Amino acid sequence: MDSEGKKMWGTAASASAVGIEIAVAIGLGYFGGQYLDRKLGVAPWLTWVGFAAGVGASIKALIRVVRSYNKSLEQDEPPDQK
């Protein structure tokens, strides 16, 4: 497999991994908050806090992947021809 094909598969793997990471982060935050709500009797506050923390972790993961992708594009860009 040539280097361009490897790069394409690496990008695809990174994008699919971030999708799974988003789902897991939001799910853990939400269900962890529900569990703590039942234990402490403060429903629905910790569910909302857990959900918000999961969304925040998801946004952070998306930003990480976008920065990595942009950095790889900058490295592949040929120098300007003048």
PDB file of N, CA and C in Angstrom:
ATOM      1  N   MET A   1       0.854  -1.177   0.000  1.00  0.00           N
ATOM      2  CA  MET A   1       0.000   0.000   0.000  1.00  0.00           C
ATOM      3  C   MET A   1       0.895   1.234   0.000  1.00  0.00           C
ATOM      4  N   ASP A   2       0.550   2.199  -0.824  1.00  0.00           N
ATOM      5  CA  ASP A   2       1.352   3.410  -0.917  1.00  0.00           C
ATOM      6  C   ASP A   2       1.092   4.332   0.278  1.00  0.00           C
ATOM      7  N   SER A   3       1.931   5.336   0.419  1.00  0.00           N
ATOM      8  CA  SER A   3       1.830   6.220   1.588  1.00  0.00           C
ATOM      9  C   SER A   3       0.537   7.034   1.588  1.00  0.00           C
ATOM     10  N   GLU A   4       0.030   7.373   0.389  1.00  0.00           N
ATOM     11  CA  GLU A   4      -1.224   8.134   0.319  1.00  0.00           C
ATOM     12  C   GLU A   4      -2.396   7.287   0.815  1.00  0.00           C
ATOM     13  N   GLY A   5      -2.395   6.024   0.485  1.00  0.00           N
ATOM     14  CA  GLY A   5      -3.446   5.109   0.959  1.00  0.00           C
ATOM     15  C   GLY A   5      -3.384   4.915   2.459  1.00  0.00           C
ATOM     16  N   LYS A   6      -2.173   4.797   2.992  1.00  0.00           N
ATOM     17  CA  LYS A   6      -2.026   4.661   4.440  1.00  0.00           C
ATOM     18  C   LYS A   6      -2.535   5.896   5.163  1.00  0.00           C
ATOM     19  N   LYS A   7      -2.244   7.068   4.595  1.00  0.00           N
ATOM     20  CA  LYS A   7      -2.702   8.307   5.212  1.00  0.00           C
ATOM     21  C   LYS A   7      -4.233   8.377   5.205  1.00  0.00           C
ATOM     22  N   MET A   8      -4.838   7.948   4.084  1.00  0.00           N
ATOM     23  CA  MET A   8      -6.287   7.962   3.975  1.00  0.00           C
ATOM     24  C   MET A   8      -6.919   7.045   5.024  1.00  0.00           C
ATOM     25  N   TRP A   9      -6.365   5.852   5.182  1.00  0.00           N
ATOM     26  CA  TRP A   9      -6.908   4.924   6.179  1.00  0.00           C
ATOM     27  C   TRP A   9      -6.684   5.433   7.601  1.00  0.00           C
ATOM     28  N   GLY A  10      -5.564   6.096   7.842  1.00  0.00           N
ATOM     29  CA  GLY A  10      -5.311   6.678   9.155  1.00  0.00           C
ATOM     30  C   GLY A  10      -6.301   7.773   9.499  1.00  0.00           C
ATOM     31  N   THR A  11      -6.635   8.591   8.511  1.00  0.00           N
ATOM     32  CA  THR A  11      -7.617   9.654   8.710  1.00  0.00           C
ATOM     33  C   THR A  11      -8.995   9.055   8.985  1.00  0.00           C
ATOM     34  N   ALA A  12      -9.355   8.022   8.239  1.00  0.00           N
ATOM     35  CA  ALA A  12     -10.648   7.363   8.444  1.00  0.00           C
ATOM     36  C   ALA A  12     -10.724   6.729   9.834  1.00  0.00           C
ATOM     37  N   ALA A  13      -9.652   6.103  10.267  1.00  0.00           N
ATOM     38  CA  ALA A  13      -9.634   5.488  11.591  1.00  0.00           C
ATOM     39  C   ALA A  13      -9.757   6.535  12.686  1.00  0.00           C
ATOM     40  N   SER A  14      -9.085   7.660  12.509  1.00  0.00           N
ATOM     41  CA  SER A  14      -9.159   8.737  13.495  1.00  0.00           C
ATOM     42  C   SER A  14     -10.572   9.304  13.585  1.00  0.00           C
ATOM     43  N   ALA A  15     -11.216   9.484  12.449  1.00  0.00           N
ATOM     44  CA  ALA A  15     -12.578  10.024  12.439  1.00  0.00           C
ATOM     45  C   ALA A  15     -13.563   9.050  13.085  1.00  0.00           C
ATOM     46  N   SER A  16     -13.419   7.767  12.819  1.00  0.00           N
ATOM     47  CA  SER A  16     -14.345   6.808  13.426  1.00  0.00           C
ATOM     48  C   SER A  16     -14.085   6.671  14.918  1.00  0.00           C
ATOM     49  N   ALA A  17     -12.837   6.768  15.317  1.00  0.00           N
ATOM     50  CA  ALA A  17     -12.523   6.675  16.744  1.00  0.00           C
ATOM     51  C   ALA A  17     -13.108   7.849  17.517  1.00  0.00           C
ATOM     52  N   VAL A  18     -13.099   9.033  16.931  1.00  0.00           N
ATOM     53  CA  VAL A  18     -13.650  10.187  17.633  1.00  0.00           C
ATOM     54  C   VAL A  18     -15.170  10.058  17.736  1.00  0.00           C
ATOM     55  N   GLY A  19     -15.807   9.430  16.775  1.00  0.00           N
ATOM     56  CA  GLY A  19     -17.246   9.194  16.866  1.00  0.00           C
ATOM     57  C   GLY A  19     -17.595   8.289  18.038  1.00  0.00           C
ATOM     58  N   ILE A  20     -16.831   7.253  18.208  1.00  0.00           N
ATOM     59  CA  ILE A  20     -17.045   6.347  19.339  1.00  0.00           C
ATOM     60  C   ILE A  20     -16.747   7.069  20.650  1.00  0.00           C
ATOM     61  N   GLU A  21     -15.687   7.864  20.655  1.00  0.00           N
ATOM     62  CA  GLU A  21     -15.317   8.617  21.858  1.00  0.00           C
ATOM     63  C   GLU A  21     -16.422   9.589  22.280  1.00  0.00           C
ATOM     64  N   ILE A  22     -17.072  10.214  21.313  1.00  0.00           N
ATOM     65  CA  ILE A  22     -18.166  11.137  21.608  1.00  0.00           C
ATOM     66  C   ILE A  22     -19.321  10.389  22.264  1.00  0.00           C
ATOM     67  N   ALA A  23     -19.710   9.273  21.671  1.00  0.00           N
ATOM     68  CA  ALA A  23     -20.836   8.501  22.207  1.00  0.00           C
ATOM     69  C   ALA A  23     -20.543   8.000  23.618  1.00  0.00           C
ATOM     70  N   VAL A  24     -19.344   7.510  23.845  1.00  0.00           N
ATOM     71  CA  VAL A  24     -18.979   6.983  25.167  1.00  0.00           C
ATOM     72  C   VAL A  24     -18.923   8.106  26.202  1.00  0.00           C
ATOM     73  N   ALA A  25     -18.351   9.245  25.840  1.00  0.00           N
ATOM     74  CA  ALA A  25     -18.236  10.357  26.797  1.00  0.00           C
ATOM     75  C   ALA A  25     -19.607  10.864  27.227  1.00  0.00           C
ATOM     76  N   ILE A  26     -20.505  11.053  26.272  1.00  0.00           N
ATOM     77  CA  ILE A  26     -21.838  11.548  26.618  1.00  0.00           C
ATOM     78  C   ILE A  26     -22.609  10.501  27.406  1.00  0.00           C
ATOM     79  N   GLY A  27     -22.512   9.244  27.001  1.00  0.00           N
ATOM     80  CA  GLY A  27     -23.207   8.171  27.716  1.00  0.00           C
ATOM     81  C   GLY A  27     -22.721   8.010  29.146  1.00  0.00           C
ATOM     82  N   LEU A  28     -21.408   8.006  29.331  1.00  0.00           N
ATOM     83  CA  LEU A  28     -20.866   7.877  30.693  1.00  0.00           C
ATOM     84  C   LEU A  28     -21.264   9.063  31.565  1.00  0.00           C
ATOM     85  N   GLY A  29     -21.206  10.255  31.000  1.00  0.00           N
ATOM     86  CA  GLY A  29     -21.597  11.428  31.777  1.00  0.00           C
ATOM     87  C   GLY A  29     -23.057  11.377  32.185  1.00  0.00           C
ATOM     88  N   TYR A  30     -23.914  11.037  31.243  1.00  0.00           N
ATOM     89  CA  TYR A  30     -25.350  11.008  31.516  1.00  0.00           C
ATOM     90  C   TYR A  30     -25.714   9.912  32.518  1.00  0.00           C
ATOM     91  N   PHE A  31     -25.281   8.688  32.239  1.00  0.00           N
ATOM     92  CA  PHE A  31     -25.649   7.579  33.124  1.00  0.00           C
ATOM     93  C   PHE A  31     -24.925   7.635  34.465  1.00  0.00           C
ATOM     94  N   GLY A  32     -23.704   8.178  34.464  1.00  0.00           N
ATOM     95  CA  GLY A  32     -23.018   8.392  35.735  1.00  0.00           C
ATOM     96  C   GLY A  32     -23.749   9.419  36.585  1.00  0.00           C
ATOM     97  N   GLY A  33     -24.254  10.462  35.937  1.00  0.00           N
ATOM     98  CA  GLY A  33     -25.049  11.463  36.653  1.00  0.00           C
ATOM     99  C   GLY A  33     -26.346  10.882  37.188  1.00  0.00           C
ATOM    100  N   GLN A  34     -27.001  10.034  36.415  1.00  0.00           N
ATOM    101  CA  GLN A  34     -28.227   9.383  36.889  1.00  0.00           C
ATOM    102  C   GLN A  34     -27.944   8.495  38.094  1.00  0.00           C
ATOM    103  N   TYR A  35     -26.853   7.763  38.039  1.00  0.00           N
ATOM    104  CA  TYR A  35     -26.484   6.893  39.156  1.00  0.00           C
ATOM    105  C   TYR A  35     -26.264   7.726  40.425  1.00  0.00           C
ATOM    106  N   LEU A  36     -25.521   8.806  40.290  1.00  0.00           N
ATOM    107  CA  LEU A  36     -25.268   9.655  41.455  1.00  0.00           C
ATOM    108  C   LEU A  36     -26.540  10.336  41.953  1.00  0.00           C
ATOM    109  N   ASP A  37     -27.436  10.686  41.044  1.00  0.00           N
ATOM    110  CA  ASP A  37     -28.724  11.255  41.449  1.00  0.00           C
ATOM    111  C   ASP A  37     -29.504  10.274  42.312  1.00  0.00           C
ATOM    112  N   ARG A  38     -29.550   9.018  41.911  1.00  0.00           N
ATOM    113  CA  ARG A  38     -30.266   8.005  42.696  1.00  0.00           C
ATOM    114  C   ARG A  38     -29.601   7.786  44.055  1.00  0.00           C
ATOM    115  N   LYS A  39     -28.270   7.780  44.060  1.00  0.00           N
ATOM    116  CA  LYS A  39     -27.549   7.559  45.318  1.00  0.00           C
ATOM    117  C   LYS A  39     -27.717   8.729  46.288  1.00  0.00           C
ATOM    118  N   LEU A  40     -27.663   9.942  45.764  1.00  0.00           N
ATOM    119  CA  LEU A  40     -27.667  11.121  46.629  1.00  0.00           C
ATOM    120  C   LEU A  40     -29.034  11.794  46.736  1.00  0.00           C
ATOM    121  N   GLY A  41     -29.965  11.426  45.883  1.00  0.00           N
ATOM    122  CA  GLY A  41     -31.309  11.973  45.934  1.00  0.00           C
ATOM    123  C   GLY A  41     -31.414  13.426  45.529  1.00  0.00           C
ATOM    124  N   VAL A  42     -30.641  13.827  44.537  1.00  0.00           N
ATOM    125  CA  VAL A  42     -30.671  15.224  44.097  1.00  0.00           C
ATOM    126  C   VAL A  42     -31.126  15.348  42.643  1.00  0.00           C
ATOM    127  N   ALA A  43     -31.938  14.416  42.190  1.00  0.00           N
ATOM    128  CA  ALA A  43     -32.359  14.388  40.778  1.00  0.00           C
ATOM    129  C   ALA A  43     -32.996  15.696  40.380  1.00  0.00           C
ATOM    130  N   PRO A  44     -32.831  16.133  39.219  1.00  0.00           N
ATOM    131  CA  PRO A  44     -32.059  15.697  38.054  1.00  0.00           C
ATOM    132  C   PRO A  44     -30.735  16.424  37.887  1.00  0.00           C
ATOM    133  N   TRP A  45     -30.246  17.062  38.911  1.00  0.00           N
ATOM    134  CA  TRP A  45     -29.104  17.965  38.779  1.00  0.00           C
ATOM    135  C   TRP A  45     -27.829  17.272  38.321  1.00  0.00           C
ATOM    136  N   LEU A  46     -27.476  16.175  38.907  1.00  0.00           N
ATOM    137  CA  LEU A  46     -26.219  15.527  38.529  1.00  0.00           C
ATOM    138  C   LEU A  46     -26.308  14.864  37.162  1.00  0.00           C
ATOM    139  N   THR A  47     -27.516  14.505  36.749  1.00  0.00           N
ATOM    140  CA  THR A  47     -27.684  13.984  35.388  1.00  0.00           C
ATOM    141  C   THR A  47     -27.326  15.073  34.386  1.00  0.00           C
ATOM    142  N   TRP A  48     -27.820  16.278  34.624  1.00  0.00           N
ATOM    143  CA  TRP A  48     -27.509  17.389  33.725  1.00  0.00           C
ATOM    144  C   TRP A  48     -26.036  17.762  33.772  1.00  0.00           C
ATOM    145  N   VAL A  49     -25.452  17.733  34.956  1.00  0.00           N
ATOM    146  CA  VAL A  49     -24.022  18.044  35.081  1.00  0.00           C
ATOM    147  C   VAL A  49     -23.188  16.989  34.350  1.00  0.00           C
ATOM    148  N   GLY A  50     -23.542  15.721  34.512  1.00  0.00           N
ATOM    149  CA  GLY A  50     -22.831  14.645  33.822  1.00  0.00           C
ATOM    150  C   GLY A  50     -22.972  14.745  32.316  1.00  0.00           C
ATOM    151  N   PHE A  51     -24.178  15.054  31.862  1.00  0.00           N
ATOM    152  CA  PHE A  51     -24.402  15.222  30.431  1.00  0.00           C
ATOM    153  C   PHE A  51     -23.557  16.369  29.881  1.00  0.00           C
ATOM    154  N   ALA A  52     -23.543  17.497  30.596  1.00  0.00           N
ATOM    155  CA  ALA A  52     -22.749  18.651  30.159  1.00  0.00           C
ATOM    156  C   ALA A  52     -21.256  18.321  30.141  1.00  0.00           C
ATOM    157  N   ALA A  53     -20.790  17.555  31.123  1.00  0.00           N
ATOM    158  CA  ALA A  53     -19.387  17.155  31.143  1.00  0.00           C
ATOM    159  C   ALA A  53     -19.076  16.246  29.947  1.00  0.00           C
ATOM    160  N   GLY A  54     -19.999  15.361  29.605  1.00  0.00           N
ATOM    161  CA  GLY A  54     -19.809  14.497  28.443  1.00  0.00           C
ATOM    162  C   GLY A  54     -19.764  15.281  27.148  1.00  0.00           C
ATOM    163  N   VAL A  55     -20.629  16.270  27.019  1.00  0.00           N
ATOM    164  CA  VAL A  55     -20.616  17.116  25.825  1.00  0.00           C
ATOM    165  C   VAL A  55     -19.310  17.912  25.761  1.00  0.00           C
ATOM    166  N   GLY A  56     -18.857  18.408  26.901  1.00  0.00           N
ATOM    167  CA  GLY A  56     -17.588  19.131  26.936  1.00  0.00           C
ATOM    168  C   GLY A  56     -16.415  18.254  26.530  1.00  0.00           C
ATOM    169  N   ALA A  57     -16.394  17.017  27.007  1.00  0.00           N
ATOM    170  CA  ALA A  57     -15.333  16.088  26.620  1.00  0.00           C
ATOM    171  C   ALA A  57     -15.411  15.775  25.128  1.00  0.00           C
ATOM    172  N   SER A  58     -16.616  15.707  24.605  1.00  0.00           N
ATOM    173  CA  SER A  58     -16.796  15.443  23.174  1.00  0.00           C
ATOM    174  C   SER A  58     -16.271  16.591  22.328  1.00  0.00           C
ATOM    175  N   ILE A  59     -16.556  17.807  22.748  1.00  0.00           N
ATOM    176  CA  ILE A  59     -16.063  18.975  22.019  1.00  0.00           C
ATOM    177  C   ILE A  59     -14.547  19.019  22.049  1.00  0.00           C
ATOM    178  N   LYS A  60     -13.970  18.688  23.186  1.00  0.00           N
ATOM    179  CA  LYS A  60     -12.514  18.663  23.304  1.00  0.00           C
ATOM    180  C   LYS A  60     -11.917  17.615  22.361  1.00  0.00           C
ATOM    181  N   ALA A  61     -12.557  16.452  22.253  1.00  0.00           N
ATOM    182  CA  ALA A  61     -12.077  15.406  21.351  1.00  0.00           C
ATOM    183  C   ALA A  61     -12.161  15.865  19.896  1.00  0.00           C
ATOM    184  N   LEU A  62     -13.250  16.541  19.536  1.00  0.00           N
ATOM    185  CA  LEU A  62     -13.386  17.040  18.169  1.00  0.00           C
ATOM    186  C   LEU A  62     -12.312  18.072  17.844  1.00  0.00           C
ATOM    187  N   ILE A  63     -12.048  18.965  18.779  1.00  0.00           N
ATOM    188  CA  ILE A  63     -11.018  19.985  18.558  1.00  0.00           C
ATOM    189  C   ILE A  63      -9.654  19.329  18.394  1.00  0.00           C
ATOM    190  N   ARG A  64      -9.372  18.314  19.193  1.00  0.00           N
ATOM    191  CA  ARG A  64      -8.097  17.598  19.094  1.00  0.00           C
ATOM    192  C   ARG A  64      -7.930  16.975  17.712  1.00  0.00           C
ATOM    193  N   VAL A  65      -8.973  16.344  17.206  1.00  0.00           N
ATOM    194  CA  VAL A  65      -8.890  15.689  15.903  1.00  0.00           C
ATOM    195  C   VAL A  65      -8.758  16.712  14.782  1.00  0.00           C
ATOM    196  N   VAL A  66      -9.491  17.813  14.862  1.00  0.00           N
ATOM    197  CA  VAL A  66      -9.402  18.843  13.830  1.00  0.00           C
ATOM    198  C   VAL A  66      -8.007  19.462  13.807  1.00  0.00           C
ATOM    199  N   ARG A  67      -7.444  19.728  14.969  1.00  0.00           N
ATOM    200  CA  ARG A  67      -6.084  20.289  15.010  1.00  0.00           C
ATOM    201  C   ARG A  67      -5.073  19.311  14.426  1.00  0.00           C
ATOM    202  N   SER A  68      -5.215  18.049  14.749  1.00  0.00           N
ATOM    203  CA  SER A  68      -4.313  17.036  14.212  1.00  0.00           C
ATOM    204  C   SER A  68      -4.437  16.946  12.694  1.00  0.00           C
ATOM    205  N   TYR A  69      -5.665  16.988  12.203  1.00  0.00           N
ATOM    206  CA  TYR A  69      -5.890  16.917  10.757  1.00  0.00           C
ATOM    207  C   TYR A  69      -5.318  18.148  10.062  1.00  0.00           C
ATOM    208  N   ASN A  70      -5.535  19.327  10.639  1.00  0.00           N
ATOM    209  CA  ASN A  70      -4.982  20.553  10.050  1.00  0.00           C
ATOM    210  C   ASN A  70      -3.460  20.527  10.035  1.00  0.00           C
ATOM    211  N   LYS A  71      -2.858  20.013  11.094  1.00  0.00           N
ATOM    212  CA  LYS A  71      -1.405  19.932  11.157  1.00  0.00           C
ATOM    213  C   LYS A  71      -0.878  18.995  10.075  1.00  0.00           C
ATOM    214  N   SER A  72      -1.563  17.878   9.851  1.00  0.00           N
ATOM    215  CA  SER A  72      -1.114  16.950   8.811  1.00  0.00           C
ATOM    216  C   SER A  72      -1.285  17.561   7.424  1.00  0.00           C
ATOM    217  N   LEU A  73      -2.322  18.382   7.227  1.00  0.00           N
ATOM    218  CA  LEU A  73      -2.492  19.059   5.934  1.00  0.00           C
ATOM    219  C   LEU A  73      -1.390  20.080   5.706  1.00  0.00           C
ATOM    220  N   GLU A  74      -1.002  20.801   6.752  1.00  0.00           N
ATOM    221  CA  GLU A  74       0.061  21.792   6.618  1.00  0.00           C
ATOM    222  C   GLU A  74       1.388  21.142   6.272  1.00  0.00           C
ATOM    223  N   GLN A  75       1.652  19.977   6.832  1.00  0.00           N
ATOM    224  CA  GLN A  75       2.905  19.278   6.551  1.00  0.00           C
ATOM    225  C   GLN A  75       2.955  18.756   5.121  1.00  0.00           C
ATOM    226  N   ASP A  76       1.814  18.434   4.556  1.00  0.00           N
ATOM    227  CA  ASP A  76       1.757  17.895   3.195  1.00  0.00           C
ATOM    228  C   ASP A  76       1.745  18.983   2.125  1.00  0.00           C
ATOM    229  N   GLU A  77       1.480  20.219   2.523  1.00  0.00           N
ATOM    230  CA  GLU A  77       1.362  21.316   1.581  1.00  0.00           C
ATOM    231  C   GLU A  77       2.720  21.623   0.961  1.00  0.00           C
ATOM    232  N   PRO A  78       2.796  21.650  -0.361  1.00  0.00           N
ATOM    233  CA  PRO A  78       4.091  21.970  -0.989  1.00  0.00           C
ATOM    234  C   PRO A  78       4.447  23.436  -0.777  1.00  0.00           C
ATOM    235  N   PRO A  79       5.722  23.758  -0.752  1.00  0.00           N
ATOM    236  CA  PRO A  79       6.123  25.170  -0.586  1.00  0.00           C
ATOM    237  C   PRO A  79       5.619  26.005  -1.767  1.00  0.00           C
ATOM    238  N   ASP A  80       5.378  27.273  -1.501  1.00  0.00           N
ATOM    239  CA  ASP A  80       4.881  28.173  -2.545  1.00  0.00           C
ATOM    240  C   ASP A  80       5.915  28.328  -3.654  1.00  0.00           C
ATOM    241  N   GLN A  81       5.438  28.257  -4.871  1.00  0.00           N
ATOM    242  CA  GLN A  81       6.287  28.445  -6.034  1.00  0.00           C
ATOM    243  C   GLN A  81       6.151  29.886  -6.506  1.00  0.00           C
ATOM    244  N   LYS A  82       7.222  30.637  -6.511  1.00  0.00           N
ATOM    245  CA  LYS A  82       7.192  32.046  -6.949  1.00  0.00           C
ATOM    246  C   LYS A  82       8.101  32.260  -8.114  1.00  0.00           C
TER     247      LYS A  82
END
